Amino acid sequence: MYLLDANVFIEAKNRHFGFDICPGFWEWLVLRHQQGSVFSIAAVRDELLRGNDALTDWTRSLPDSFFLSPDQRAFPVLAMLSSWASSPAVRFTQAATADFLASADYLLAAQARAVGFIVVTHELSNPASRRRVMLPDACLEIGVSTIGAYEFMRREGLRLILDPTITRAR
């Protein structure tokens, strides 16, 4: 099962899977949620609702069950992540640590560990970074797997096929 980072939704809307050209992608996410394999968290929902566009409207249309609320099992993991990000041995700047601890990424990683999900994100690991805590690095620290959005789509069998009944040219 998968927990999706906000950037998966945002990048999809802004790039290859706009609502106007690829509605099947968005329908597929809803279907996968209904089948019990795709979720996100309430903090990601909050981020998506800050906009005023088609993604905001789509987010409002989703059932509450799409966005998981913090789970009690996540609280000890939050403490582990906080200790790790604040550790002098890791050496993140104070600003980087503060930003991470106030972010949806912090909650997403902890929730994924608590429920045993894989995190889907466009972020890439950068263990040398001291100015920003990268979600894949935080996940690695607590034993959570991460994959990119396209690998997620491949694993889950997404196929967007042209409808042969749509043949009219503009």
Protein backbone atom coordinates (compact mmCIF):
# COMPACT_ATOMS: atom_id res chain seq x y z
CA MET A 1 0.00 0.00 0.00
CA TYR A 2 1.11 3.53 -0.72
CA LEU A 3 1.09 6.99 0.86
CA LEU A 4 1.41 9.79 -1.68
CA ASP A 5 3.39 12.96 -1.08
CA ALA A 6 1.80 16.28 -2.09
CA ASN A 7 4.29 16.68 -4.92
CA VAL A 8 2.87 13.62 -6.67
CA PHE A 9 -0.49 15.36 -7.04
CA ILE A 10 0.98 18.79 -7.80
CA GLU A 11 3.43 17.56 -10.43
CA ALA A 12 0.75 15.42 -12.07
CA LYS A 13 -1.57 18.41 -12.35
CA ASN A 14 1.14 20.79 -13.57
CA ARG A 15 2.87 18.48 -16.02
CA HIS A 16 1.90 15.23 -17.69
CA PHE A 17 -1.48 14.40 -16.16
CA GLY A 18 -3.48 17.63 -16.24
CA PHE A 19 -7.16 17.16 -15.53
CA ASP A 20 -8.07 18.35 -19.02
CA ILE A 21 -5.79 15.95 -20.90
CA CYS A 22 -5.55 12.92 -18.64
CA PRO A 23 -8.67 12.44 -16.50
CA GLY A 24 -7.96 8.71 -16.44
CA PHE A 25 -5.00 9.24 -14.13
CA TRP A 26 -7.18 10.92 -11.50
CA GLU A 27 -9.91 8.31 -11.87
CA TRP A 28 -7.27 5.60 -11.44
CA LEU A 29 -6.07 7.14 -8.16
CA VAL A 30 -9.64 7.12 -6.83
CA LEU A 31 -10.13 3.53 -7.99
CA ARG A 32 -6.88 2.42 -6.34
CA HIS A 33 -7.99 4.12 -3.14
CA GLN A 34 -11.34 2.33 -3.28
CA GLN A 35 -9.39 -0.92 -3.70
CA GLY A 36 -7.41 -0.06 -0.55
CA SER A 37 -3.94 0.56 -1.96
CA VAL A 38 -3.59 4.35 -2.32
CA PHE A 39 -3.82 6.95 0.42
CA SER A 40 -2.24 10.14 1.61
CA ILE A 41 -2.42 11.99 4.92
CA ALA A 42 -4.49 14.85 6.28
CA ALA A 43 -1.49 17.23 6.26
CA VAL A 44 -1.07 16.66 2.51
CA ARG A 45 -4.78 17.33 2.04
CA ASP A 46 -4.33 20.62 3.89
CA GLU A 47 -1.48 21.57 1.52
CA LEU A 48 -3.56 20.75 -1.54
CA LEU A 49 -6.53 22.73 -0.27
CA ARG A 50 -4.43 25.91 -0.06
CA GLY A 51 -4.73 26.27 -3.82
CA ASN A 52 -7.60 27.53 -5.91
CA ASP A 53 -7.59 25.33 -8.99
CA ALA A 54 -8.72 21.99 -10.40
CA LEU A 55 -6.49 20.09 -7.95
CA THR A 56 -8.14 21.86 -5.04
CA ASP A 57 -11.57 20.97 -6.41
CA TRP A 58 -10.56 17.35 -6.99
CA THR A 59 -9.12 17.11 -3.47
CA ARG A 60 -12.41 18.40 -2.03
CA SER A 61 -14.26 15.68 -3.95
CA LEU A 62 -12.30 12.85 -2.33
CA PRO A 63 -13.68 10.87 0.59
CA ASP A 64 -12.15 11.62 3.98
CA SER A 65 -10.78 8.06 3.98
CA PHE A 66 -8.31 9.00 1.22
CA PHE A 67 -6.37 11.15 3.72
CA LEU A 68 -5.34 9.30 6.85
CA SER A 69 -5.35 11.11 10.17
CA PRO A 70 -2.38 10.71 12.49
CA ASP A 71 -2.28 7.22 13.93
CA GLN A 72 -1.29 6.59 17.55
CA ARG A 73 1.34 4.17 16.27
CA ALA A 74 3.01 7.12 14.52
CA PHE A 75 3.74 9.07 17.72
CA PRO A 76 6.85 7.08 18.76
CA VAL A 77 8.09 7.34 15.16
CA LEU A 78 7.64 11.12 15.24
CA ALA A 79 9.87 11.19 18.30
CA MET A 80 12.51 9.09 16.50
CA LEU A 81 12.43 11.40 13.47
CA SER A 82 12.63 14.49 15.65
CA SER A 83 15.67 13.13 17.49
CA TRP A 84 17.34 12.17 14.23
CA ALA A 85 16.71 15.53 12.51
CA SER A 86 17.89 17.42 15.62
CA SER A 87 20.97 15.29 16.22
CA PRO A 88 24.31 17.10 16.06
CA ALA A 89 25.70 14.01 14.32
CA VAL A 90 23.32 14.52 11.38
CA ARG A 91 24.10 18.26 11.27
CA PHE A 92 21.02 19.73 9.64
CA THR A 93 20.78 23.48 10.09
CA GLN A 94 18.33 24.64 12.73
CA ALA A 95 16.14 26.08 9.99
CA ALA A 96 16.15 22.78 8.08
CA THR A 97 15.18 20.87 11.20
CA ALA A 98 12.44 23.36 12.08
CA ASP A 99 11.04 23.28 8.54
CA PHE A 100 11.02 19.48 8.51
CA LEU A 101 9.34 19.17 11.90
CA ALA A 102 6.60 21.57 10.73
CA SER A 103 6.09 19.79 7.41
CA ALA A 104 3.73 17.20 6.02
CA ASP A 105 6.84 15.15 5.12
CA TYR A 106 7.56 14.57 8.81
CA LEU A 107 4.03 13.27 9.37
CA LEU A 108 3.98 11.31 6.11
CA ALA A 109 7.16 9.39 6.93
CA ALA A 110 5.98 8.59 10.45
CA GLN A 111 2.54 7.45 9.28
CA ALA A 112 4.10 5.26 6.59
CA ARG A 113 6.26 3.54 9.19
CA ALA A 114 3.33 3.17 11.58
CA VAL A 115 1.12 1.44 9.02
CA GLY A 116 3.78 -0.24 6.88
CA PHE A 117 3.15 1.71 3.66
CA ILE A 118 5.54 2.76 0.89
CA VAL A 119 5.96 6.51 0.36
CA VAL A 120 5.54 7.79 -3.20
CA THR A 121 7.37 11.05 -3.88
CA HIS A 122 9.18 12.99 -6.57
CA GLU A 123 11.85 13.99 -4.05
CA LEU A 124 15.25 12.42 -4.38
CA SER A 125 17.60 11.40 -1.62
CA ASN A 126 20.37 13.86 -0.81
CA PRO A 127 22.11 12.68 2.36
CA ALA A 128 24.74 15.40 2.01
CA SER A 129 22.15 18.15 2.31
CA ARG A 130 22.31 20.09 5.55
CA ARG A 131 19.89 22.86 4.55
CA ARG A 132 16.89 20.64 3.83
CA VAL A 133 15.68 17.32 5.19
CA MET A 134 14.72 15.26 2.17
CA LEU A 135 11.75 12.93 2.57
CA PRO A 136 13.56 9.86 1.16
CA ASP A 137 16.40 10.37 3.66
CA ALA A 138 13.99 10.67 6.58
CA CYS A 139 12.20 7.53 5.39
CA LEU A 140 15.47 5.64 5.06
CA GLU A 141 16.36 6.58 8.63
CA ILE A 142 13.20 4.88 9.95
CA GLY A 143 13.10 1.94 7.57
CA VAL A 144 10.37 3.15 5.20
CA SER A 145 10.63 2.40 1.50
CA THR A 146 10.17 5.20 -1.02
CA ILE A 147 9.57 5.07 -4.75
CA GLY A 148 9.09 7.64 -7.46
CA ALA A 149 5.72 8.39 -8.97
CA TYR A 150 6.43 6.67 -12.28
CA GLU A 151 7.69 3.49 -10.61
CA PHE A 152 4.52 3.55 -8.49
CA MET A 153 2.39 3.77 -11.64
CA ARG A 154 4.29 0.87 -13.22
CA ARG A 155 4.02 -1.32 -10.13
CA GLU A 156 0.31 -0.63 -9.86
CA GLY A 157 -0.29 -1.30 -13.54
CA LEU A 158 -1.48 2.10 -14.69
CA ARG A 159 -2.14 2.09 -18.41
CA LEU A 160 -3.56 5.16 -20.05
CA ILE A 161 -4.90 4.05 -23.40
CA LEU A 162 -6.37 6.25 -26.09
CA ASP A 163 -10.09 5.70 -26.48
CA PRO A 164 -10.53 4.61 -30.12
CA THR A 165 -13.96 6.21 -30.21
CA ILE A 166 -12.38 9.64 -29.90
CA THR A 167 -11.32 10.29 -33.46
CA ARG A 168 -12.47 13.77 -34.27
CA ALA A 169 -9.81 16.30 -35.05
CA ARG A 170 -10.05 19.87 -33.90
